[in-house]
Amino acid sequence: MNLPGGLNEEDFLTELPELPQTEFCVYGTVFAHAQHADTLAAIYAETTRNAASEPGTIYYCLSRDDKDPTIFYFFERYTGKKAFDEHNSQDIIKRIFD
């Protein structure tokens, strides 16, 4: 994969550290393949709508880069690991990894 800014695949976290039971934030950047970027944007729009009614989700924000539509930025805040796990157990979230 041709990555921006001289990044290499090994520069990316592929496994999450142990998550706390108390409040925490998750943030990062997603680099989509061009042919999947619009589908990913639609999935992210749905996850953003869903997050508004998730009891343990405090804040959920996804945005698409205005210069490169294959780049997405996210910032998420949860009450703890249980809320994060519940968010990620949704079918719509699982579609991202299919």
PDB file of N, CA and C in Angstrom:
ATOM      1  N   MET A   1       0.842  -1.169   0.000  1.00  0.00           N
ATOM      2  CA  MET A   1       0.000   0.000   0.000  1.00  0.00           C
ATOM      3  C   MET A   1       0.890   1.235   0.000  1.00  0.00           C
ATOM      4  N   ASN A   2       0.546   2.211  -0.799  1.00  0.00           N
ATOM      5  CA  ASN A   2       1.280   3.467  -0.864  1.00  0.00           C
ATOM      6  C   ASN A   2       0.714   4.406   0.204  1.00  0.00           C
ATOM      7  N   LEU A   3       1.448   4.629   1.277  1.00  0.00           N
ATOM      8  CA  LEU A   3       0.960   5.415   2.401  1.00  0.00           C
ATOM      9  C   LEU A   3       1.511   6.831   2.360  1.00  0.00           C
ATOM     10  N   PRO A   4       0.711   7.805   2.824  1.00  0.00           N
ATOM     11  CA  PRO A   4       1.146   9.204   2.808  1.00  0.00           C
ATOM     12  C   PRO A   4       2.205   9.492   3.864  1.00  0.00           C
ATOM     13  N   GLY A   5       2.901  10.572   3.687  1.00  0.00           N
ATOM     14  CA  GLY A   5       3.836  11.070   4.678  1.00  0.00           C
ATOM     15  C   GLY A   5       5.000  10.160   4.997  1.00  0.00           C
ATOM     16  N   GLY A   6       5.348   9.282   4.072  1.00  0.00           N
ATOM     17  CA  GLY A   6       6.468   8.388   4.302  1.00  0.00           C
ATOM     18  C   GLY A   6       6.217   7.319   5.358  1.00  0.00           C
ATOM     19  N   LEU A   7       4.949   7.079   5.676  1.00  0.00           N
ATOM     20  CA  LEU A   7       4.613   6.066   6.675  1.00  0.00           C
ATOM     21  C   LEU A   7       4.759   4.665   6.102  1.00  0.00           C
ATOM     22  N   ASN A   8       5.061   3.737   6.965  1.00  0.00           N
ATOM     23  CA  ASN A   8       5.160   2.327   6.602  1.00  0.00           C
ATOM     24  C   ASN A   8       4.073   1.555   7.338  1.00  0.00           C
ATOM     25  N   GLU A   9       3.730   0.383   6.831  1.00  0.00           N
ATOM     26  CA  GLU A   9       2.696  -0.424   7.480  1.00  0.00           C
ATOM     27  C   GLU A   9       3.030  -0.727   8.933  1.00  0.00           C
ATOM     28  N   GLU A  10       4.301  -0.894   9.255  1.00  0.00           N
ATOM     29  CA  GLU A  10       4.667  -1.198  10.635  1.00  0.00           C
ATOM     30  C   GLU A  10       4.517   0.005  11.575  1.00  0.00           C
ATOM     31  N   ASP A  11       4.221   1.202  11.027  1.00  0.00           N
ATOM     32  CA  ASP A  11       3.980   2.384  11.849  1.00  0.00           C
ATOM     33  C   ASP A  11       2.579   2.377  12.457  1.00  0.00           C
ATOM     34  N   PHE A  12       1.747   1.421  12.082  1.00  0.00           N
ATOM     35  CA  PHE A  12       0.350   1.418  12.489  1.00  0.00           C
ATOM     36  C   PHE A  12       0.075   0.386  13.563  1.00  0.00           C
ATOM     37  N   LEU A  13      -0.771   0.779  14.494  1.00  0.00           N
ATOM     38  CA  LEU A  13      -1.212  -0.101  15.563  1.00  0.00           C
ATOM     39  C   LEU A  13      -2.226  -1.085  14.996  1.00  0.00           C
ATOM     40  N   THR A  14      -1.989  -2.347  15.167  1.00  0.00           N
ATOM     41  CA  THR A  14      -2.925  -3.350  14.662  1.00  0.00           C
ATOM     42  C   THR A  14      -3.620  -4.085  15.796  1.00  0.00           C
ATOM     43  N   GLU A  15      -3.217  -3.805  17.013  1.00  0.00           N
ATOM     44  CA  GLU A  15      -3.801  -4.453  18.175  1.00  0.00           C
ATOM     45  C   GLU A  15      -3.977  -3.402  19.261  1.00  0.00           C
ATOM     46  N   LEU A  16      -5.135  -3.391  19.899  1.00  0.00           N
ATOM     47  CA  LEU A  16      -5.386  -2.411  20.947  1.00  0.00           C
ATOM     48  C   LEU A  16      -4.726  -2.835  22.254  1.00  0.00           C
ATOM     49  N   PRO A  17      -4.257  -1.868  23.030  1.00  0.00           N
ATOM     50  CA  PRO A  17      -3.735  -2.196  24.360  1.00  0.00           C
ATOM     51  C   PRO A  17      -4.903  -2.582  25.275  1.00  0.00           C
ATOM     52  N   GLU A  18      -4.605  -3.032  26.464  1.00  0.00           N
ATOM     53  CA  GLU A  18      -5.667  -3.351  27.420  1.00  0.00           C
ATOM     54  C   GLU A  18      -6.471  -2.083  27.699  1.00  0.00           C
ATOM     55  N   LEU A  19      -7.789  -2.204  27.637  1.00  0.00           N
ATOM     56  CA  LEU A  19      -8.658  -1.042  27.808  1.00  0.00           C
ATOM     57  C   LEU A  19      -9.080  -0.898  29.265  1.00  0.00           C
ATOM     58  N   PRO A  20      -9.166   0.349  29.743  1.00  0.00           N
ATOM     59  CA  PRO A  20      -9.550   0.569  31.141  1.00  0.00           C
ATOM     60  C   PRO A  20     -11.055   0.397  31.358  1.00  0.00           C
ATOM     61  N   GLN A  21     -11.426   0.113  32.593  1.00  0.00           N
ATOM     62  CA  GLN A  21     -12.844   0.033  32.965  1.00  0.00           C
ATOM     63  C   GLN A  21     -13.411   1.431  33.190  1.00  0.00           C
ATOM     64  N   THR A  22     -12.533   2.422  33.256  1.00  0.00           N
ATOM     65  CA  THR A  22     -12.951   3.807  33.466  1.00  0.00           C
ATOM     66  C   THR A  22     -12.919   4.567  32.137  1.00  0.00           C
ATOM     67  N   GLU A  23     -13.349   5.795  32.172  1.00  0.00           N
ATOM     68  CA  GLU A  23     -13.464   6.620  30.966  1.00  0.00           C
ATOM     69  C   GLU A  23     -12.136   6.722  30.208  1.00  0.00           C
ATOM     70  N   PHE A  24     -12.234   6.651  28.879  1.00  0.00           N
ATOM     71  CA  PHE A  24     -11.051   6.790  28.029  1.00  0.00           C
ATOM     72  C   PHE A  24     -11.455   7.265  26.640  1.00  0.00           C
ATOM     73  N   CYS A  25     -10.450   7.703  25.866  1.00  0.00           N
ATOM     74  CA  CYS A  25     -10.648   8.174  24.490  1.00  0.00           C
ATOM     75  C   CYS A  25      -9.866   7.295  23.524  1.00  0.00           C
ATOM     76  N   VAL A  26     -10.386   7.220  22.316  1.00  0.00           N
ATOM     77  CA  VAL A  26      -9.720   6.528  21.217  1.00  0.00           C
ATOM     78  C   VAL A  26      -9.675   7.525  20.065  1.00  0.00           C
ATOM     79  N   TYR A  27      -8.535   7.671  19.435  1.00  0.00           N
ATOM     80  CA  TYR A  27      -8.462   8.552  18.269  1.00  0.00           C
ATOM     81  C   TYR A  27      -7.458   7.990  17.279  1.00  0.00           C
ATOM     82  N   GLY A  28      -7.638   8.370  16.032  1.00  0.00           N
ATOM     83  CA  GLY A  28      -6.712   7.882  15.032  1.00  0.00           C
ATOM     84  C   GLY A  28      -7.101   8.274  13.626  1.00  0.00           C
ATOM     85  N   THR A  29      -6.411   7.685  12.689  1.00  0.00           N
ATOM     86  CA  THR A  29      -6.603   7.952  11.271  1.00  0.00           C
ATOM     87  C   THR A  29      -6.805   6.626  10.558  1.00  0.00           C
ATOM     88  N   VAL A  30      -7.759   6.618   9.634  1.00  0.00           N
ATOM     89  CA  VAL A  30      -8.021   5.436   8.814  1.00  0.00           C
ATOM     90  C   VAL A  30      -7.698   5.788   7.374  1.00  0.00           C
ATOM     91  N   PHE A  31      -6.894   4.963   6.731  1.00  0.00           N
ATOM     92  CA  PHE A  31      -6.566   5.125   5.316  1.00  0.00           C
ATOM     93  C   PHE A  31      -7.332   4.052   4.549  1.00  0.00           C
ATOM     94  N   ALA A  32      -8.325   4.475   3.778  1.00  0.00           N
ATOM     95  CA  ALA A  32      -9.158   3.531   3.025  1.00  0.00           C
ATOM     96  C   ALA A  32      -8.608   3.337   1.618  1.00  0.00           C
ATOM     97  N   HIS A  33      -8.844   2.162   1.059  1.00  0.00           N
ATOM     98  CA  HIS A  33      -8.560   1.965  -0.361  1.00  0.00           C
ATOM     99  C   HIS A  33      -9.562   2.822  -1.133  1.00  0.00           C
ATOM    100  N   ALA A  34      -9.126   3.466  -2.191  1.00  0.00           N
ATOM    101  CA  ALA A  34      -9.972   4.405  -2.941  1.00  0.00           C
ATOM    102  C   ALA A  34     -11.309   3.793  -3.343  1.00  0.00           C
ATOM    103  N   GLN A  35     -11.306   2.539  -3.773  1.00  0.00           N
ATOM    104  CA  GLN A  35     -12.544   1.918  -4.243  1.00  0.00           C
ATOM    105  C   GLN A  35     -13.528   1.633  -3.105  1.00  0.00           C
ATOM    106  N   HIS A  36     -13.082   1.720  -1.847  1.00  0.00           N
ATOM    107  CA  HIS A  36     -13.957   1.453  -0.699  1.00  0.00           C
ATOM    108  C   HIS A  36     -14.270   2.704   0.119  1.00  0.00           C
ATOM    109  N   ALA A  37     -13.698   3.838  -0.226  1.00  0.00           N
ATOM    110  CA  ALA A  37     -13.821   5.041   0.600  1.00  0.00           C
ATOM    111  C   ALA A  37     -15.263   5.519   0.747  1.00  0.00           C
ATOM    112  N   ASP A  38     -16.041   5.523  -0.321  1.00  0.00           N
ATOM    113  CA  ASP A  38     -17.426   5.993  -0.221  1.00  0.00           C
ATOM    114  C   ASP A  38     -18.287   5.034   0.597  1.00  0.00           C
ATOM    115  N   THR A  39     -18.051   3.742   0.452  1.00  0.00           N
ATOM    116  CA  THR A  39     -18.775   2.757   1.263  1.00  0.00           C
ATOM    117  C   THR A  39     -18.428   2.937   2.735  1.00  0.00           C
ATOM    118  N   LEU A  40     -17.152   3.147   3.019  1.00  0.00           N
ATOM    119  CA  LEU A  40     -16.722   3.371   4.389  1.00  0.00           C
ATOM    120  C   LEU A  40     -17.353   4.645   4.952  1.00  0.00           C
ATOM    121  N   ALA A  41     -17.439   5.689   4.144  1.00  0.00           N
ATOM    122  CA  ALA A  41     -18.069   6.937   4.587  1.00  0.00           C
ATOM    123  C   ALA A  41     -19.533   6.698   4.963  1.00  0.00           C
ATOM    124  N   ALA A  42     -20.244   5.894   4.185  1.00  0.00           N
ATOM    125  CA  ALA A  42     -21.648   5.587   4.482  1.00  0.00           C
ATOM    126  C   ALA A  42     -21.768   4.792   5.785  1.00  0.00           C
ATOM    127  N   ILE A  43     -20.871   3.846   5.989  1.00  0.00           N
ATOM    128  CA  ILE A  43     -20.870   3.072   7.234  1.00  0.00           C
ATOM    129  C   ILE A  43     -20.572   3.989   8.415  1.00  0.00           C
ATOM    130  N   TYR A  44     -19.593   4.867   8.266  1.00  0.00           N
ATOM    131  CA  TYR A  44     -19.261   5.802   9.338  1.00  0.00           C
ATOM    132  C   TYR A  44     -20.422   6.744   9.646  1.00  0.00           C
ATOM    133  N   ALA A  45     -21.167   7.158   8.632  1.00  0.00           N
ATOM    134  CA  ALA A  45     -22.333   8.020   8.868  1.00  0.00           C
ATOM    135  C   ALA A  45     -23.354   7.293   9.736  1.00  0.00           C
ATOM    136  N   GLU A  46     -23.561   6.017   9.454  1.00  0.00           N
ATOM    137  CA  GLU A  46     -24.510   5.232  10.252  1.00  0.00           C
ATOM    138  C   GLU A  46     -23.995   5.011  11.671  1.00  0.00           C
ATOM    139  N   THR A  47     -22.717   4.718  11.825  1.00  0.00           N
ATOM    140  CA  THR A  47     -22.185   4.510  13.178  1.00  0.00           C
ATOM    141  C   THR A  47     -22.257   5.796  13.996  1.00  0.00           C
ATOM    142  N   THR A  48     -22.091   6.932  13.342  1.00  0.00           N
ATOM    143  CA  THR A  48     -22.199   8.213  14.037  1.00  0.00           C
ATOM    144  C   THR A  48     -23.623   8.429  14.528  1.00  0.00           C
ATOM    145  N   ARG A  49     -24.611   8.126  13.685  1.00  0.00           N
ATOM    146  CA  ARG A  49     -26.022   8.244  14.106  1.00  0.00           C
ATOM    147  C   ARG A  49     -26.304   7.297  15.274  1.00  0.00           C
ATOM    148  N   ASN A  50     -25.827   6.069  15.174  1.00  0.00           N
ATOM    149  CA  ASN A  50     -26.061   5.085  16.238  1.00  0.00           C
ATOM    150  C   ASN A  50     -25.413   5.502  17.553  1.00  0.00           C
ATOM    151  N   ALA A  51     -24.232   6.084  17.474  1.00  0.00           N
ATOM    152  CA  ALA A  51     -23.482   6.446  18.682  1.00  0.00           C
ATOM    153  C   ALA A  51     -24.243   7.436  19.550  1.00  0.00           C
ATOM    154  N   ALA A  52     -25.081   8.253  18.937  1.00  0.00           N
ATOM    155  CA  ALA A  52     -25.843   9.251  19.691  1.00  0.00           C
ATOM    156  C   ALA A  52     -26.763   8.610  20.730  1.00  0.00           C
ATOM    157  N   SER A  53     -27.169   7.367  20.516  1.00  0.00           N
ATOM    158  CA  SER A  53     -28.079   6.709  21.461  1.00  0.00           C
ATOM    159  C   SER A  53     -27.408   5.582  22.255  1.00  0.00           C
ATOM    160  N   GLU A  54     -26.111   5.447  22.149  1.00  0.00           N
ATOM    161  CA  GLU A  54     -25.392   4.425  22.914  1.00  0.00           C
ATOM    162  C   GLU A  54     -25.113   4.956  24.319  1.00  0.00           C
ATOM    163  N   PRO A  55     -25.617   4.269  25.355  1.00  0.00           N
ATOM    164  CA  PRO A  55     -25.500   4.796  26.716  1.00  0.00           C
ATOM    165  C   PRO A  55     -24.077   5.079  27.188  1.00  0.00           C
ATOM    166  N   GLY A  56     -23.105   4.277  26.822  1.00  0.00           N
ATOM    167  CA  GLY A  56     -21.744   4.480  27.310  1.00  0.00           C
ATOM    168  C   GLY A  56     -20.847   5.284  26.392  1.00  0.00           C
ATOM    169  N   THR A  57     -21.406   5.757  25.278  1.00  0.00           N
ATOM    170  CA  THR A  57     -20.618   6.570  24.352  1.00  0.00           C
ATOM    171  C   THR A  57     -20.813   8.034  24.721  1.00  0.00           C
ATOM    172  N   ILE A  58     -19.749   8.678  25.153  1.00  0.00           N
ATOM    173  CA  ILE A  58     -19.814  10.074  25.578  1.00  0.00           C
ATOM    174  C   ILE A  58     -19.677  11.006  24.376  1.00  0.00           C
ATOM    175  N   TYR A  59     -18.768  10.681  23.479  1.00  0.00           N
ATOM    176  CA  TYR A  59     -18.498  11.536  22.319  1.00  0.00           C
ATOM    177  C   TYR A  59     -18.029  10.648  21.179  1.00  0.00           C
ATOM    178  N   TYR A  60     -18.512  10.951  19.980  1.00  0.00           N
ATOM    179  CA  TYR A  60     -18.147  10.139  18.818  1.00  0.00           C
ATOM    180  C   TYR A  60     -18.101  11.057  17.604  1.00  0.00           C
ATOM    181  N   CYS A  61     -16.938  11.196  17.019  1.00  0.00           N
ATOM    182  CA  CYS A  61     -16.781  12.107  15.885  1.00  0.00           C
ATOM    183  C   CYS A  61     -15.899  11.463  14.821  1.00  0.00           C
ATOM    184  N   LEU A  62     -16.400  11.464  13.598  1.00  0.00           N
ATOM    185  CA  LEU A  62     -15.638  10.989  12.448  1.00  0.00           C
ATOM    186  C   LEU A  62     -15.660  12.076  11.394  1.00  0.00           C
ATOM    187  N   SER A  63     -14.545  12.302  10.757  1.00  0.00           N
ATOM    188  CA  SER A  63     -14.520  13.282   9.668  1.00  0.00           C
ATOM    189  C   SER A  63     -13.654  12.758   8.528  1.00  0.00           C
ATOM    190  N   ARG A  64     -13.958  13.273   7.357  1.00  0.00           N
ATOM    191  CA  ARG A  64     -13.239  12.868   6.148  1.00  0.00           C
ATOM    192  C   ARG A  64     -12.329  14.010   5.735  1.00  0.00           C
ATOM    193  N   ASP A  65     -11.126  13.691   5.368  1.00  0.00           N
ATOM    194  CA  ASP A  65     -10.162  14.704   4.951  1.00  0.00           C
ATOM    195  C   ASP A  65     -10.706  15.470   3.746  1.00  0.00           C
ATOM    196  N   ASP A  66     -10.602  16.785   3.770  1.00  0.00           N
ATOM    197  CA  ASP A  66     -11.150  17.584   2.665  1.00  0.00           C
ATOM    198  C   ASP A  66     -10.271  17.581   1.417  1.00  0.00           C
ATOM    199  N   LYS A  67      -9.030  17.139   1.539  1.00  0.00           N
ATOM    200  CA  LYS A  67      -8.146  17.083   0.368  1.00  0.00           C
ATOM    201  C   LYS A  67      -7.967  15.665  -0.174  1.00  0.00           C
ATOM    202  N   ASP A  68      -8.073  14.678   0.706  1.00  0.00           N
ATOM    203  CA  ASP A  68      -7.912  13.281   0.298  1.00  0.00           C
ATOM    204  C   ASP A  68      -9.093  12.478   0.841  1.00  0.00           C
ATOM    205  N   PRO A  69     -10.071  12.156  -0.002  1.00  0.00           N
ATOM    206  CA  PRO A  69     -11.287  11.478   0.468  1.00  0.00           C
ATOM    207  C   PRO A  69     -11.079  10.035   0.915  1.00  0.00           C
ATOM    208  N   THR A  70      -9.859   9.538   0.848  1.00  0.00           N
ATOM    209  CA  THR A  70      -9.595   8.181   1.338  1.00  0.00           C
ATOM    210  C   THR A  70      -9.103   8.187   2.785  1.00  0.00           C
ATOM    211  N   ILE A  71      -8.970   9.370   3.374  1.00  0.00           N
ATOM    212  CA  ILE A  71      -8.479   9.492   4.746  1.00  0.00           C
ATOM    213  C   ILE A  71      -9.617   9.937   5.666  1.00  0.00           C
ATOM    214  N   PHE A  72      -9.771   9.220   6.775  1.00  0.00           N
ATOM    215  CA  PHE A  72     -10.790   9.520   7.774  1.00  0.00           C
ATOM    216  C   PHE A  72     -10.113   9.685   9.132  1.00  0.00           C
ATOM    217  N   TYR A  73     -10.635  10.602   9.937  1.00  0.00           N
ATOM    218  CA  TYR A  73     -10.124  10.843  11.283  1.00  0.00           C
ATOM    219  C   TYR A  73     -11.239  10.523  12.272  1.00  0.00           C
ATOM    220  N   PHE A  74     -10.889   9.928  13.391  1.00  0.00           N
ATOM    221  CA  PHE A  74     -11.917   9.639  14.378  1.00  0.00           C
ATOM    222  C   PHE A  74     -11.445   9.997  15.779  1.00  0.00           C
ATOM    223  N   PHE A  75     -12.427  10.370  16.601  1.00  0.00           N
ATOM    224  CA  PHE A  75     -12.202  10.647  18.017  1.00  0.00           C
ATOM    225  C   PHE A  75     -13.418  10.112  18.751  1.00  0.00           C
ATOM    226  N   GLU A  76     -13.184   9.220  19.696  1.00  0.00           N
ATOM    227  CA  GLU A  76     -14.275   8.576  20.419  1.00  0.00           C
ATOM    228  C   GLU A  76     -13.974   8.613  21.917  1.00  0.00           C
ATOM    229  N   ARG A  77     -15.028   8.784  22.709  1.00  0.00           N
ATOM    230  CA  ARG A  77     -14.861   8.820  24.165  1.00  0.00           C
ATOM    231  C   ARG A  77     -15.924   7.916  24.789  1.00  0.00           C
ATOM    232  N   TYR A  78     -15.496   7.017  25.647  1.00  0.00           N
ATOM    233  CA  TYR A  78     -16.384   6.020  26.246  1.00  0.00           C
ATOM    234  C   TYR A  78     -16.281   6.048  27.770  1.00  0.00           C
ATOM    235  N   THR A  79     -17.340   5.551  28.424  1.00  0.00           N
ATOM    236  CA  THR A  79     -17.337   5.478  29.888  1.00  0.00           C
ATOM    237  C   THR A  79     -16.425   4.374  30.402  1.00  0.00           C
ATOM    238  N   GLY A  80     -16.062   3.444  29.537  1.00  0.00           N
ATOM    239  CA  GLY A  80     -15.171   2.351  29.918  1.00  0.00           C
ATOM    240  C   GLY A  80     -15.176   1.244  28.884  1.00  0.00           C
ATOM    241  N   LYS A  81     -14.459   0.185  29.180  1.00  0.00           N
ATOM    242  CA  LYS A  81     -14.298  -0.934  28.251  1.00  0.00           C
ATOM    243  C   LYS A  81     -15.633  -1.540  27.836  1.00  0.00           C
ATOM    244  N   LYS A  82     -16.550  -1.689  28.776  1.00  0.00           N
ATOM    245  CA  LYS A  82     -17.851  -2.294  28.467  1.00  0.00           C
ATOM    246  C   LYS A  82     -18.564  -1.498  27.370  1.00  0.00           C
ATOM    247  N   ALA A  83     -18.576  -0.191  27.477  1.00  0.00           N
ATOM    248  CA  ALA A  83     -19.230   0.654  26.469  1.00  0.00           C
ATOM    249  C   ALA A  83     -18.536   0.532  25.117  1.00  0.00           C
ATOM    250  N   PHE A  84     -17.221   0.500  25.127  1.00  0.00           N
ATOM    251  CA  PHE A  84     -16.456   0.356  23.888  1.00  0.00           C
ATOM    252  C   PHE A  84     -16.761  -0.984  23.222  1.00  0.00           C
ATOM    253  N   ASP A  85     -16.776  -2.048  24.022  1.00  0.00           N
ATOM    254  CA  ASP A  85     -17.074  -3.379  23.488  1.00  0.00           C
ATOM    255  C   ASP A  85     -18.492  -3.445  22.922  1.00  0.00           C
ATOM    256  N   GLU A  86     -19.451  -2.828  23.612  1.00  0.00           N
ATOM    257  CA  GLU A  86     -20.833  -2.811  23.117  1.00  0.00           C
ATOM    258  C   GLU A  86     -20.919  -2.057  21.792  1.00  0.00           C
ATOM    259  N   HIS A  87     -20.232  -0.939  21.702  1.00  0.00           N
ATOM    260  CA  HIS A  87     -20.219  -0.171  20.454  1.00  0.00           C
ATOM    261  C   HIS A  87     -19.666  -1.030  19.318  1.00  0.00           C
ATOM    262  N   ASN A  88     -18.569  -1.706  19.564  1.00  0.00           N
ATOM    263  CA  ASN A  88     -17.905  -2.489  18.522  1.00  0.00           C
ATOM    264  C   ASN A  88     -18.573  -3.823  18.214  1.00  0.00           C
ATOM    265  N   SER A  89     -19.551  -4.208  19.004  1.00  0.00           N
ATOM    266  CA  SER A  89     -20.248  -5.470  18.742  1.00  0.00           C
ATOM    267  C   SER A  89     -21.400  -5.305  17.750  1.00  0.00           C
ATOM    268  N   GLN A  90     -21.699  -4.073  17.357  1.00  0.00           N
ATOM    269  CA  GLN A  90     -22.780  -3.822  16.401  1.00  0.00           C
ATOM    270  C   GLN A  90     -22.440  -4.415  15.030  1.00  0.00           C
ATOM    271  N   ASP A  91     -23.460  -4.894  14.352  1.00  0.00           N
ATOM    272  CA  ASP A  91     -23.261  -5.452  13.010  1.00  0.00           C
ATOM    273  C   ASP A  91     -22.640  -4.434  12.058  1.00  0.00           C
ATOM    274  N   ILE A  92     -23.048  -3.166  12.162  1.00  0.00           N
ATOM    275  CA  ILE A  92     -22.533  -2.134  11.245  1.00  0.00           C
ATOM    276  C   ILE A  92     -21.025  -1.961  11.438  1.00  0.00           C
ATOM    277  N   ILE A  93     -20.540  -2.063  12.661  1.00  0.00           N
ATOM    278  CA  ILE A  93     -19.100  -1.950  12.924  1.00  0.00           C
ATOM    279  C   ILE A  93     -18.372  -3.155  12.339  1.00  0.00           C
ATOM    280  N   LYS A  94     -18.952  -4.324  12.494  1.00  0.00           N
ATOM    281  CA  LYS A  94     -18.335  -5.541  11.956  1.00  0.00           C
ATOM    282  C   LYS A  94     -18.194  -5.471  10.436  1.00  0.00           C
ATOM    283  N   ARG A  95     -19.094  -4.751   9.761  1.00  0.00           N
ATOM    284  CA  ARG A  95     -19.013  -4.614   8.300  1.00  0.00           C
ATOM    285  C   ARG A  95     -17.729  -3.918   7.862  1.00  0.00           C
ATOM    286  N   ILE A  96     -17.186  -3.068   8.692  1.00  0.00           N
ATOM    287  CA  ILE A  96     -15.952  -2.355   8.346  1.00  0.00           C
ATOM    288  C   ILE A  96     -14.812  -3.347   8.118  1.00  0.00           C
ATOM    289  N   PHE A  97     -14.807  -4.422   8.871  1.00  0.00           N
ATOM    290  CA  PHE A  97     -13.709  -5.378   8.808  1.00  0.00           C
ATOM    291  C   PHE A  97     -13.964  -6.534   7.857  1.00  0.00           C
ATOM    292  N   ASP A  98     -15.129  -6.556   7.232  1.00  0.00           N
ATOM    293  CA  ASP A  98     -15.447  -7.615   6.252  1.00  0.00           C
ATOM    294  C   ASP A  98     -14.844  -7.329   4.898  1.00  0.00           C
TER     295      ASP A  98
END
